[in-house]
Amino acid sequence: MEPIIQLFTEWQAQMLILGPVVAGFGVAVWFIMNALSGIMPEWMNNARGWIQRILFGAIVLGLAPALITAFIALGGGGG
């Protein structure tokens, strides 16, 4: 059982580094896309809703490890 716990601990540490980078990239692309909406081609404006949903998913998945770690710290880890 110890190797599995160690694996998830390492994975969590890696996701805490990578997650905010993914979320920040998603927010930056979302703002750039909205700022340039007037000059985007028609096909890109038509797909704008789907692109925003994908970016929102990337932001949520990027912030999820940090939120889960914060909730675990608040709750004492269930121990």
Protein backbone atom coordinates (compact mmCIF):
# COMPACT_ATOMS: atom_id res chain seq x y z
CA MET A 1 0.00 0.00 0.00
CA GLU A 2 2.92 2.33 0.68
CA PRO A 3 4.09 2.46 -2.99
CA ILE A 4 0.59 3.49 -4.09
CA ILE A 5 0.47 6.29 -1.51
CA GLN A 6 3.93 7.44 -2.56
CA LEU A 7 2.87 7.42 -6.23
CA PHE A 8 -0.16 9.61 -5.54
CA THR A 9 1.88 11.94 -3.34
CA GLU A 10 4.41 12.46 -6.15
CA TRP A 11 1.61 12.93 -8.68
CA GLN A 12 -0.05 15.53 -6.45
CA ALA A 13 3.22 17.44 -6.10
CA GLN A 14 3.69 17.46 -9.88
CA MET A 15 0.11 18.60 -10.47
CA LEU A 16 0.52 21.45 -7.98
CA ILE A 17 3.35 22.74 -10.17
CA LEU A 18 1.70 22.12 -13.54
CA GLY A 19 -1.92 22.96 -12.64
CA PRO A 20 -1.61 26.73 -12.09
CA VAL A 21 0.43 27.03 -15.30
CA VAL A 22 -2.37 25.36 -17.28
CA ALA A 23 -5.00 27.53 -15.57
CA GLY A 24 -3.00 30.71 -16.21
CA PHE A 25 -2.55 29.80 -19.86
CA GLY A 26 -6.28 29.15 -20.20
CA VAL A 27 -7.17 32.52 -18.66
CA ALA A 28 -4.67 34.35 -20.87
CA VAL A 29 -5.96 32.70 -24.06
CA TRP A 30 -9.56 33.39 -23.02
CA PHE A 31 -8.87 37.12 -22.53
CA ILE A 32 -6.92 37.36 -25.78
CA MET A 33 -9.70 35.58 -27.65
CA ASN A 34 -12.34 37.95 -26.25
CA ALA A 35 -10.18 41.00 -26.98
CA LEU A 36 -9.69 39.95 -30.59
CA SER A 37 -13.27 38.82 -31.21
CA GLY A 38 -13.88 41.70 -33.63
CA ILE A 39 -11.15 40.64 -36.03
CA MET A 40 -11.49 36.85 -35.77
CA PRO A 41 -12.62 34.97 -38.87
CA GLU A 42 -16.26 33.91 -39.09
CA TRP A 43 -15.53 30.21 -38.51
CA MET A 44 -13.69 31.06 -35.30
CA ASN A 45 -16.55 33.24 -34.05
CA ASN A 46 -18.94 30.35 -34.75
CA ALA A 47 -16.79 27.99 -32.67
CA ARG A 48 -16.23 30.54 -29.91
CA GLY A 49 -18.65 28.89 -27.46
CA TRP A 50 -16.92 25.53 -27.80
CA ILE A 51 -13.48 27.10 -27.42
CA GLN A 52 -14.62 28.90 -24.26
CA ARG A 53 -15.97 25.65 -22.80
CA ILE A 54 -12.66 23.91 -23.48
CA LEU A 55 -10.70 26.78 -21.91
CA PHE A 56 -13.00 26.82 -18.88
CA GLY A 57 -12.41 23.08 -18.46
CA ALA A 58 -8.65 23.63 -18.64
CA ILE A 59 -8.90 26.35 -15.99
CA VAL A 60 -10.97 24.14 -13.67
CA LEU A 61 -8.70 21.13 -14.15
CA GLY A 62 -5.66 23.32 -13.63
CA LEU A 63 -6.93 24.67 -10.34
CA ALA A 64 -8.40 21.39 -9.05
CA PRO A 65 -5.18 20.03 -7.46
CA ALA A 66 -4.63 23.25 -5.53
CA LEU A 67 -8.25 23.30 -4.33
CA ILE A 68 -8.16 19.65 -3.28
CA THR A 69 -4.90 20.21 -1.39
CA ALA A 70 -6.41 23.23 0.36
CA PHE A 71 -9.52 21.27 1.38
CA ILE A 72 -7.39 18.41 2.69
CA ALA A 73 -5.33 20.87 4.74
CA LEU A 74 -8.49 22.42 6.19
CA GLY A 75 -10.02 19.06 7.06
CA GLY A 76 -6.91 17.47 8.49
CA GLY A 77 -6.74 14.81 5.79
CA GLY A 78 -9.50 12.64 7.25
CA GLY A 79 -7.22 11.29 9.92
